[in-house]
Structures are given as C-alpha cells and as structure tokens.
Amino acid sequence: MVTRSDFNKYILPVYNPAGFIPKKAKGSYLWDQNGKKFIDFATGIAVSNLGHCHPRLIKALNDQSKSIWHLSNVLVNQPALKLAKLLCQKTFAEKVFFTNSGAEAVEAAIKTARKYSTSNFSKSKNEIIAFNDAFHGRTMMAIALNGSKRMTDGFGPMPKSIKHHEFNKIDGLESKFSNNTSAVILELVQGEAGIIPAKKKFVNVIVKLCKKNNALLIIDEVQSGVGRTGSLFAYEQYGIKPDILCSAKGMGNGIPIGAMLTTDKVAQNMIVGMHGSTYGGNPLACAVSKEVFEIISKQSFLKDVLKKEKLFLSLLNEMNEKVAVFSEIRSSGLWFGLKIDDTSKLTLANLMQASYKEGLMILKANNNTVRLAPSLNISKDDIERGVKKLEKAILSLV
C-alpha cells in the first residue's frame, strides 16, 4: 500500500495534497484507504461534472477500449470526428482542435489567433491583452498570460507582447488596444480568483473594442464550460460569439481531454504541419467526452443546475447567518466562492483540514476564498448534507 510519505519521496514537489489517500469514488462520494467517506464538493477542481464513475461514461469507455485506443494524425479518428461534429452543432464553432488539457487549448488558441492576425493584417499584429488575477494554465505562455509574478518568478524570460489590464475595469481599457492587438483572452468567470463573474457591460466593451481593432476574442472556458455555470458554455449567458474558445476539465469528466473551438474564418490560416498533438483527440477520451456532452447539453439538465444553485445559495446564506465568517458568497451555476471576512479568525488552511475531518471535500481559491464545485448531478440531499458538514467544520474553529 502506498502512503502519503511515498508521495513526498517520488513526486516532484509542486503539489501539497491532503494527508489521506482516496481509494474509490462513486457519484458525489469518495472513500479513503481507511474507508472514511467524504461528500465531494471539489470534483477534482471542477472536472467530474457528472460525479465519479458515471455508468454511461463507464460504458462509453469500456466499449471504445474494445476497438481502438490510439491513432496517429495520419489517420481519420472516428470518435474525435464524432465529438467535433457534436461540438460544432452545440456551439458557435465550425472547427475544433483537440488537446489533452486546458493549458494546451490556450497555447493552440494563442498560436491560431496570432497566425490569423499576422497573415491577414501585419507581421506586427501579435499583441495579446489579458487580465489580472486570471488563470490560463501553467505552461510558459499560460503563466505569462496569468499576470501573476508569483507564477512567473524564476521561469523567465517570459513570452513577449502581452499586456494586462484590471478585470472588470472599463477605465483605461481602450488604451491597451492598438493596430498591433491580435487578440483578447478572457475568462467570463475567474475561478482561481474566487468565482468572480465578468460584468456584462465590461464584456460588451471588450467585444466592441475587438471589432474596432480587428482583434479576436478568445474566451477561456476551461473551468466555466460544460454546464458548470448553468449553460453549456458561459458565453451563451452574455449573448456574445467568441472567435476562439478554450475548453477542458469537465469535457472528459476525469479523462484527460481539452479542445480549442473556432470559426472557419479564423482557422483558414492554420495549415498542415503548423500545430499538432500526439494524444490530442485520443479515441478513448473522445468517446467519453461525447457521452458527457450528450448528457449535459440537454436543457432539462442545465435548468436543474440553476435550480440547485438557488438551493445551494439559500443554504449557504442561512449557514452564514449562524457562523458569520464570510463577507461575500458568490455563485455562477454550481460554482461558489465564499470570501472569508478579513476580521475572521478562520483560515483557509484550517478550514480545509476541519472539512476533511467532517468528511467533506472543498477547495481553496485566491483572495482568501473557499471554492465549491460539486458535481452538476448532485442530489439535493447531498447538497444539504455537505453544507451541514461545512457548518460543523467552521463551528469547530470559531
């Protein structure tokens, strides 16, 4: 049996996981090596949107595993083609490029945007506008886009031609644009910052400035996509059409897969050999992902997410009236940010440990915020049980 000390011995020390080791999971529950049961309000950081070991996904994976596991890009990949067709039917997209992660989708998006701009306008049209407190991944380009010195320190030199602006701030935004602006990359809900939705007026100004400056709009929905916010993708709630969209996390419900979605117009300059991925569009991952989208894209499913959001918010606010430790409770679908009051003695680290003790999995975000991301098909009873466990964990500390 492996132990937590084995992790420290063999794994690169870039993670600091909990002291227990999960052994199995089903639905909204997880069990550790000792049989302790947890309600999962984390879902692998907004990944297992349909909970653990969903029967339809198990069947899709098993069925595909009996035919083809891997194909190179010199052959047509049926599961990838079927998934791409479905994504184009369900979204604005006309072309899809499959990756293994969200960061890879972001890399593909930046390359595609710059190729479009430099091919159709000028070689100097390569600047990217990004926003402070964003999170686009941990590759070199992604950390440069994130706008955090904490994430770039010691890894320089960073990719150039990136400008940053304050999220949700309209003042001064236009001055960031020029004839050299290739694209804007934007999260419609900043997850790592603590579940902070973009204001519609802010988004509309960005759309207008992109059109005015012949710049592309890249929407990063790696975390917010695949039903998390109560629509298939969050951009639908803003009434906009991106030029490029990045997706991952919930796409495979735990099976590694990501995608860059775009239009024919933007895709036309990306020709054979300009980009690729050995495992991107893996048949096993695509078979599972297609089943995920078949389930989550149904309007009845998405409406239920919004109903559960209301229940969740009601319970969280009711809890906070008793414990009085959160200055703000934010939500976007089944995605919650609970900002710990600056005057509270409560700390994120202590609350994480207390929650584990009570049998509850939660997440932390930046800005002293608790992040909750339960499965989208979680039952009402499990929502109530989980919030009660969170309340008990808080009361043990204050």
Protein backbone atom coordinates (compact mmCIF):
# COMPACT_ATOMS: atom_id res chain seq x y z
CA MET A 1 0.00 0.00 0.00
CA VAL A 2 1.29 3.48 -0.86
CA THR A 3 1.44 6.20 1.79
CA ARG A 4 1.46 9.98 1.90
CA SER A 5 5.21 9.88 2.66
CA ASP A 6 5.71 7.95 -0.60
CA PHE A 7 4.26 10.96 -2.40
CA ASN A 8 6.94 13.22 -0.93
CA LYS A 9 9.59 10.68 -1.88
CA TYR A 10 8.67 10.09 -5.52
CA ILE A 11 6.63 13.05 -6.86
CA LEU A 12 8.05 16.41 -7.95
CA PRO A 13 7.30 18.73 -5.01
CA VAL A 14 4.96 21.11 -6.84
CA TYR A 15 1.84 19.80 -5.07
CA ASN A 16 0.85 19.57 -1.41
CA PRO A 17 -2.08 17.12 -1.27
CA ALA A 18 -4.18 16.19 1.75
CA GLY A 19 -2.84 13.72 4.29
CA PHE A 20 -5.28 10.95 3.31
CA ILE A 21 -5.29 8.93 0.07
CA PRO A 22 -8.54 8.32 -1.87
CA LYS A 23 -9.18 4.70 -2.83
CA LYS A 24 -12.55 4.73 -4.60
CA ALA A 25 -15.32 7.12 -5.60
CA LYS A 26 -18.91 6.92 -6.80
CA GLY A 27 -21.32 9.74 -7.64
CA SER A 28 -20.78 12.60 -5.19
CA TYR A 29 -18.86 10.45 -2.70
CA LEU A 30 -15.25 9.45 -2.18
CA TRP A 31 -13.65 6.95 0.24
CA ASP A 32 -10.07 6.93 1.52
CA GLN A 33 -7.79 3.95 2.21
CA ASN A 34 -9.26 3.58 5.69
CA GLY A 35 -12.86 3.57 4.47
CA LYS A 36 -13.66 7.13 5.58
CA LYS A 37 -16.46 8.58 3.44
CA PHE A 38 -16.43 12.13 2.03
CA ILE A 39 -19.01 14.24 0.22
CA ASP A 40 -17.20 15.73 -2.76
CA PHE A 41 -17.69 19.49 -3.20
CA ALA A 42 -14.42 19.68 -5.18
CA THR A 43 -14.79 17.21 -8.10
CA GLY A 44 -11.11 17.32 -8.97
CA ILE A 45 -11.28 21.14 -9.33
CA ALA A 46 -14.47 21.34 -11.40
CA VAL A 47 -13.68 18.29 -13.53
CA SER A 48 -16.06 15.46 -12.58
CA ASN A 49 -19.19 17.38 -13.57
CA LEU A 50 -21.20 14.16 -13.70
CA GLY A 51 -19.76 12.79 -10.48
CA HIS A 52 -17.44 9.83 -10.14
CA CYS A 53 -17.77 6.66 -12.21
CA HIS A 54 -20.95 7.63 -14.05
CA PRO A 55 -22.41 4.41 -15.56
CA ARG A 56 -22.90 5.85 -19.06
CA LEU A 57 -19.31 7.08 -19.12
CA ILE A 58 -18.01 3.73 -17.89
CA LYS A 59 -19.89 2.04 -20.73
CA ALA A 60 -18.56 4.51 -23.33
CA LEU A 61 -15.00 3.94 -22.10
CA ASN A 62 -15.35 0.16 -21.98
CA ASP A 63 -16.96 -0.03 -25.42
CA GLN A 64 -14.25 2.10 -27.03
CA SER A 65 -11.47 0.20 -25.23
CA LYS A 66 -12.50 -2.94 -27.12
CA SER A 67 -11.91 -1.35 -30.54
CA ILE A 68 -9.21 1.35 -30.84
CA TRP A 69 -7.15 3.06 -28.11
CA HIS A 70 -4.90 5.31 -30.15
CA LEU A 71 -4.45 6.60 -33.69
CA SER A 72 -1.85 8.94 -35.14
CA ASN A 73 -2.92 12.07 -37.01
CA VAL A 74 -2.20 10.43 -40.39
CA LEU A 75 -5.49 8.54 -39.95
CA VAL A 76 -9.07 9.70 -39.51
CA ASN A 77 -10.15 9.23 -35.91
CA GLN A 78 -13.87 8.33 -35.75
CA PRO A 79 -14.52 9.16 -32.05
CA ALA A 80 -12.74 12.51 -32.42
CA LEU A 81 -14.68 13.33 -35.58
CA LYS A 82 -18.00 12.46 -33.95
CA LEU A 83 -17.18 14.64 -30.94
CA ALA A 84 -16.02 17.54 -33.13
CA LYS A 85 -19.27 17.37 -35.12
CA LEU A 86 -21.31 17.42 -31.90
CA LEU A 87 -19.36 20.40 -30.52
CA CYS A 88 -19.92 22.35 -33.73
CA GLN A 89 -23.64 21.55 -33.59
CA LYS A 90 -23.93 22.68 -29.96
CA THR A 91 -21.79 25.85 -30.12
CA PHE A 92 -20.69 28.71 -32.38
CA ALA A 93 -17.75 26.64 -33.64
CA GLU A 94 -17.02 25.41 -37.15
CA LYS A 95 -13.60 23.89 -36.46
CA VAL A 96 -12.15 22.01 -33.47
CA PHE A 97 -8.62 21.13 -32.38
CA PHE A 98 -8.31 18.54 -29.61
CA THR A 99 -5.73 18.71 -26.84
CA ASN A 100 -5.01 16.89 -23.58
CA SER A 101 -5.52 19.81 -21.20
CA GLY A 102 -6.75 23.37 -20.80
CA ALA A 103 -3.27 24.86 -20.96
CA GLU A 104 -2.70 23.15 -24.31
CA ALA A 105 -6.00 24.55 -25.57
CA VAL A 106 -4.82 28.04 -24.56
CA GLU A 107 -1.50 27.53 -26.36
CA ALA A 108 -3.36 26.46 -29.50
CA ALA A 109 -5.66 29.48 -29.20
CA ILE A 110 -2.79 31.99 -29.00
CA LYS A 111 -0.98 30.38 -31.95
CA THR A 112 -4.17 30.36 -34.03
CA ALA A 113 -5.00 33.98 -33.18
CA ARG A 114 -1.52 35.27 -33.97
CA LYS A 115 -1.36 33.31 -37.22
CA TYR A 116 -4.70 34.78 -38.29
CA SER A 117 -3.64 38.33 -37.40
CA THR A 118 -0.17 38.24 -38.92
CA SER A 119 -1.43 36.54 -42.10
CA ASN A 120 -4.35 38.90 -42.70
CA PHE A 121 -3.09 42.24 -41.36
CA SER A 122 0.57 42.76 -40.47
CA LYS A 123 3.51 40.86 -39.01
CA SER A 124 3.48 43.19 -36.01
CA LYS A 125 -0.14 42.39 -35.12
CA ASN A 126 0.78 39.89 -32.40
CA GLU A 127 -0.08 41.54 -29.07
CA ILE A 128 -2.37 39.79 -26.60
CA ILE A 129 -4.45 41.54 -23.94
CA ALA A 130 -5.06 39.52 -20.76
CA PHE A 131 -6.39 40.34 -17.30
CA ASN A 132 -5.01 40.44 -13.78
CA ASP A 133 -5.91 37.56 -11.44
CA ALA A 134 -6.67 35.30 -14.41
CA PHE A 135 -5.67 31.67 -14.65
CA HIS A 136 -4.95 30.13 -18.05
CA GLY A 137 -2.68 27.26 -17.02
CA ARG A 138 0.96 26.65 -16.15
CA THR A 139 2.79 26.39 -19.48
CA MET A 140 5.16 29.25 -20.31
CA MET A 141 2.61 31.14 -22.40
CA ALA A 142 -0.15 30.47 -19.89
CA ILE A 143 1.75 31.80 -16.88
CA ALA A 144 2.71 34.87 -18.91
CA LEU A 145 -0.99 35.45 -19.58
CA ASN A 146 -1.97 34.94 -15.93
CA GLY A 147 -0.41 38.23 -14.88
CA SER A 148 0.97 36.95 -11.57
CA LYS A 149 4.60 37.50 -10.59
CA ARG A 150 4.24 34.62 -8.13
CA MET A 151 3.72 32.25 -11.07
CA THR A 152 6.44 33.64 -13.35
CA ASP A 153 9.25 34.28 -10.86
CA GLY A 154 12.33 32.27 -11.79
CA PHE A 155 10.96 31.00 -15.11
CA GLY A 156 11.97 33.87 -17.36
CA PRO A 157 12.37 35.14 -19.94
CA MET A 158 8.63 35.23 -20.47
CA PRO A 159 6.84 35.28 -23.85
CA LYS A 160 6.55 38.88 -25.04
CA SER A 161 3.83 41.11 -26.49
CA ILE A 162 1.34 40.60 -23.66
CA LYS A 163 -0.50 43.48 -21.98
CA HIS A 164 -2.50 43.20 -18.77
CA HIS A 165 -5.48 45.13 -17.50
CA GLU A 166 -7.63 45.01 -14.37
CA PHE A 167 -10.53 42.56 -14.62
CA ASN A 168 -13.99 44.21 -14.80
CA LYS A 169 -12.45 47.69 -15.14
CA ILE A 170 -13.52 49.67 -18.22
CA ASP A 171 -11.46 52.79 -17.48
CA GLY A 172 -8.18 52.67 -19.36
CA LEU A 173 -9.09 49.51 -21.28
CA GLU A 174 -9.22 51.15 -24.70
CA SER A 175 -5.66 52.44 -24.29
CA LYS A 176 -4.43 48.83 -24.22
CA PHE A 177 -5.64 48.30 -27.79
CA SER A 178 -3.73 49.29 -30.91
CA ASN A 179 -3.26 48.23 -34.53
CA ASN A 180 -0.92 45.56 -33.17
CA THR A 181 -3.54 43.89 -30.98
CA SER A 182 -4.07 40.33 -32.16
CA ALA A 183 -6.49 39.09 -29.50
CA VAL A 184 -8.02 39.45 -26.06
CA ILE A 185 -8.13 36.38 -23.82
CA LEU A 186 -10.84 36.48 -21.17
CA GLU A 187 -12.38 34.22 -18.54
CA LEU A 188 -16.06 35.04 -18.18
CA VAL A 189 -15.84 33.76 -14.62
CA GLN A 190 -12.48 33.98 -12.89
CA GLY A 191 -12.28 30.73 -10.95
CA GLU A 192 -8.90 30.93 -9.25
CA ALA A 193 -9.66 34.48 -8.14
CA GLY A 194 -12.69 33.24 -6.19
CA ILE A 195 -15.61 32.80 -8.64
CA ILE A 196 -15.85 36.37 -9.94
CA PRO A 197 -18.13 36.76 -12.99
CA ALA A 198 -17.32 39.33 -15.65
CA LYS A 199 -19.78 42.22 -15.73
CA LYS A 200 -21.86 42.28 -18.91
CA LYS A 201 -21.02 45.92 -19.61
CA PHE A 202 -17.30 45.10 -19.32
CA VAL A 203 -17.66 42.19 -21.75
CA ASN A 204 -19.66 44.28 -24.21
CA VAL A 205 -16.96 46.96 -24.23
CA ILE A 206 -14.32 44.31 -24.95
CA VAL A 207 -16.40 42.96 -27.85
CA LYS A 208 -16.74 46.46 -29.35
CA LEU A 209 -13.03 47.21 -28.95
CA CYS A 210 -12.09 43.90 -30.56
CA LYS A 211 -14.26 44.69 -33.59
CA LYS A 212 -12.91 48.23 -33.80
CA ASN A 213 -9.30 47.00 -33.78
CA ASN A 214 -9.73 43.80 -35.85
CA ALA A 215 -8.75 41.78 -32.79
CA LEU A 216 -10.03 38.32 -31.97
CA LEU A 217 -11.89 37.43 -28.78
CA ILE A 218 -10.62 34.28 -27.05
CA ILE A 219 -12.91 33.02 -24.30
CA ASP A 220 -11.24 30.67 -21.82
CA GLU A 221 -13.93 28.32 -20.51
CA VAL A 222 -11.63 25.59 -19.26
CA GLN A 223 -13.23 25.88 -15.82
CA SER A 224 -16.58 27.54 -16.56
CA GLY A 225 -17.61 25.35 -19.51
CA VAL A 226 -19.51 22.08 -19.89
CA GLY A 227 -22.54 23.11 -17.84
CA ARG A 228 -20.76 24.43 -14.76
CA THR A 229 -22.48 27.84 -14.88
CA GLY A 230 -25.92 26.56 -15.86
CA SER A 231 -25.48 26.85 -19.63
CA LEU A 232 -23.37 24.59 -21.81
CA PHE A 233 -20.82 27.41 -22.02
CA ALA A 234 -20.91 30.68 -20.11
CA TYR A 235 -20.57 32.84 -23.25
CA GLU A 236 -24.20 32.00 -24.07
CA GLN A 237 -25.33 33.93 -20.98
CA TYR A 238 -23.60 37.07 -22.28
CA GLY A 239 -25.16 36.98 -25.73
CA ILE A 240 -21.77 37.05 -27.47
CA LYS A 241 -19.98 34.92 -30.02
CA PRO A 242 -16.27 34.30 -29.39
CA ASP A 243 -13.78 33.86 -32.20
CA ILE A 244 -11.97 31.15 -30.25
CA LEU A 245 -12.99 29.16 -27.17
CA CYS A 246 -10.82 27.01 -24.89
CA SER A 247 -12.35 24.04 -23.10
CA ALA A 248 -11.11 21.11 -20.97
CA LYS A 249 -11.72 19.95 -17.35
CA GLY A 250 -15.39 18.87 -17.44
CA MET A 251 -15.10 17.69 -21.05
CA GLY A 252 -13.87 14.24 -20.06
CA ASN A 253 -15.23 14.02 -16.51
CA GLY A 254 -11.72 12.98 -15.40
CA ILE A 255 -10.43 11.51 -18.67
CA PRO A 256 -7.74 13.94 -19.98
CA ILE A 257 -9.09 15.97 -22.91
CA GLY A 258 -9.27 19.59 -23.98
CA ALA A 259 -10.27 21.48 -27.10
CA MET A 260 -9.89 24.73 -28.96
CA LEU A 261 -13.04 25.74 -30.83
CA THR A 262 -13.03 28.36 -33.57
CA THR A 263 -14.59 29.53 -36.84
CA ASP A 264 -13.73 28.72 -40.45
CA LYS A 265 -12.56 32.30 -40.92
CA VAL A 266 -10.03 32.15 -38.09
CA ALA A 267 -8.95 28.58 -38.83
CA GLN A 268 -8.15 29.14 -42.51
CA ASN A 269 -4.51 30.13 -41.97
CA MET A 270 -3.65 27.09 -39.83
CA ILE A 271 -2.45 24.60 -42.43
CA VAL A 272 -0.97 21.09 -42.27
CA GLY A 273 2.07 20.88 -40.01
CA MET A 274 1.54 24.16 -38.14
CA HIS A 275 0.23 22.55 -34.98
CA GLY A 276 -0.42 19.09 -33.61
CA SER A 277 -0.69 16.77 -30.63
CA THR A 278 0.28 13.11 -30.27
CA TYR A 279 -2.52 12.30 -27.86
CA GLY A 280 -4.95 15.12 -28.63
CA GLY A 281 -8.26 13.62 -29.74
CA ASN A 282 -7.47 10.24 -28.18
CA PRO A 283 -10.29 7.81 -29.13
CA LEU A 284 -10.91 6.72 -25.53
CA ALA A 285 -11.15 10.31 -24.29
CA CYS A 286 -13.34 11.42 -27.20
CA ALA A 287 -15.77 8.54 -26.74
CA VAL A 288 -16.25 9.51 -23.09
CA SER A 289 -16.43 13.24 -23.86
CA LYS A 290 -19.13 12.75 -26.48
CA GLU A 291 -21.25 10.99 -23.87
CA VAL A 292 -20.59 13.83 -21.39
CA PHE A 293 -21.86 16.42 -23.86
CA GLU A 294 -24.87 14.28 -24.83
CA ILE A 295 -25.92 14.28 -21.16
CA ILE A 296 -25.04 17.81 -20.07
CA SER A 297 -26.23 19.68 -23.19
CA LYS A 298 -29.87 18.76 -22.54
CA GLN A 299 -31.86 21.82 -21.49
CA SER A 300 -33.59 19.89 -18.71
CA PHE A 301 -30.20 19.06 -17.20
CA LEU A 302 -28.99 22.66 -17.39
CA LYS A 303 -32.20 24.01 -15.88
CA ASP A 304 -31.73 21.62 -12.98
CA VAL A 305 -28.22 23.05 -12.40
CA LEU A 306 -29.75 26.51 -11.94
CA LYS A 307 -32.41 25.14 -9.58
CA LYS A 308 -29.71 23.52 -7.45
CA GLU A 309 -27.74 26.77 -7.46
CA LYS A 310 -30.69 28.52 -5.78
CA LEU A 311 -30.96 25.78 -3.16
CA PHE A 312 -27.21 25.82 -2.54
CA LEU A 313 -27.13 29.62 -2.18
CA SER A 314 -30.08 29.59 0.19
CA LEU A 315 -28.39 27.00 2.42
CA LEU A 316 -25.03 28.79 2.34
CA ASN A 317 -26.56 32.15 3.26
CA GLU A 318 -28.60 30.52 6.02
CA MET A 319 -25.40 28.89 7.34
CA ASN A 320 -23.52 32.17 7.20
CA GLU A 321 -26.19 33.85 9.33
CA LYS A 322 -25.17 31.41 12.06
CA VAL A 323 -21.38 31.34 11.64
CA ALA A 324 -20.84 34.90 10.31
CA VAL A 325 -17.42 34.24 8.76
CA PHE A 326 -18.00 35.07 5.07
CA SER A 327 -18.19 38.66 3.85
CA GLU A 328 -19.46 37.61 0.43
CA ILE A 329 -20.93 34.48 -1.15
CA ARG A 330 -20.67 34.45 -4.96
CA SER A 331 -22.01 31.92 -7.41
CA SER A 332 -22.20 31.03 -11.07
CA GLY A 333 -24.28 27.91 -11.55
CA LEU A 334 -22.93 25.17 -9.28
CA TRP A 335 -19.70 27.05 -8.64
CA PHE A 336 -19.33 29.04 -5.43
CA GLY A 337 -16.84 31.46 -3.90
CA LEU A 338 -17.10 32.10 -0.15
CA LYS A 339 -14.90 35.07 0.77
CA ILE A 340 -13.65 34.79 4.35
CA ASP A 341 -14.16 38.06 6.21
CA ASP A 342 -10.90 39.88 6.87
CA THR A 343 -11.82 40.17 10.56
CA SER A 344 -12.47 36.44 10.97
CA LYS A 345 -10.05 34.15 12.82
CA LEU A 346 -10.87 31.46 10.26
CA THR A 347 -8.11 30.49 7.82
CA LEU A 348 -8.39 28.56 4.58
CA ALA A 349 -5.79 26.01 5.66
CA ASN A 350 -7.56 25.27 8.95
CA LEU A 351 -10.97 25.07 7.28
CA MET A 352 -9.69 22.61 4.69
CA GLN A 353 -8.41 20.32 7.44
CA ALA A 354 -11.57 20.68 9.55
CA SER A 355 -13.71 19.88 6.50
CA TYR A 356 -11.72 16.74 5.79
CA LYS A 357 -12.25 15.71 9.42
CA GLU A 358 -16.02 16.13 8.95
CA GLY A 359 -15.98 14.13 5.73
CA LEU A 360 -16.23 16.96 3.21
CA MET A 361 -14.01 17.82 0.23
CA ILE A 362 -13.69 21.55 -0.51
CA LEU A 363 -11.30 23.76 -2.47
CA LYS A 364 -9.47 26.99 -1.90
CA ALA A 365 -9.11 29.92 -4.26
CA ASN A 366 -7.07 33.11 -4.17
CA ASN A 367 -8.07 36.17 -2.15
CA ASN A 368 -8.87 34.10 0.98
CA THR A 369 -11.83 32.40 -0.67
CA VAL A 370 -13.37 28.96 -0.22
CA ARG A 371 -14.29 27.43 -3.57
CA LEU A 372 -17.03 24.83 -4.00
CA ALA A 373 -17.55 22.90 -7.24
CA PRO A 374 -19.86 19.93 -6.66
CA SER A 375 -20.96 17.57 -9.40
CA LEU A 376 -23.76 19.02 -11.53
CA ASN A 377 -25.98 16.00 -10.91
CA ILE A 378 -25.50 16.04 -7.13
CA SER A 379 -28.69 15.25 -5.23
CA LYS A 380 -30.50 17.82 -3.10
CA ASP A 381 -29.96 15.60 -0.06
CA ASP A 382 -26.20 15.56 -0.64
CA ILE A 383 -26.16 19.35 -1.04
CA GLU A 384 -27.89 19.67 2.35
CA ARG A 385 -25.59 17.11 3.99
CA GLY A 386 -22.49 18.79 2.60
CA VAL A 387 -23.47 22.28 3.75
CA LYS A 388 -24.20 20.91 7.23
CA LYS A 389 -20.72 19.34 7.29
CA LEU A 390 -19.21 22.69 6.23
CA GLU A 391 -21.09 24.46 9.01
CA LYS A 392 -19.88 21.91 11.56
CA ALA A 393 -16.28 22.33 10.34
CA ILE A 394 -16.50 26.11 10.72
CA LEU A 395 -18.04 25.92 14.19
CA SER A 396 -15.18 23.70 15.32
CA LEU A 397 -12.77 26.54 14.54
CA VAL A 398 -14.55 29.73 15.65
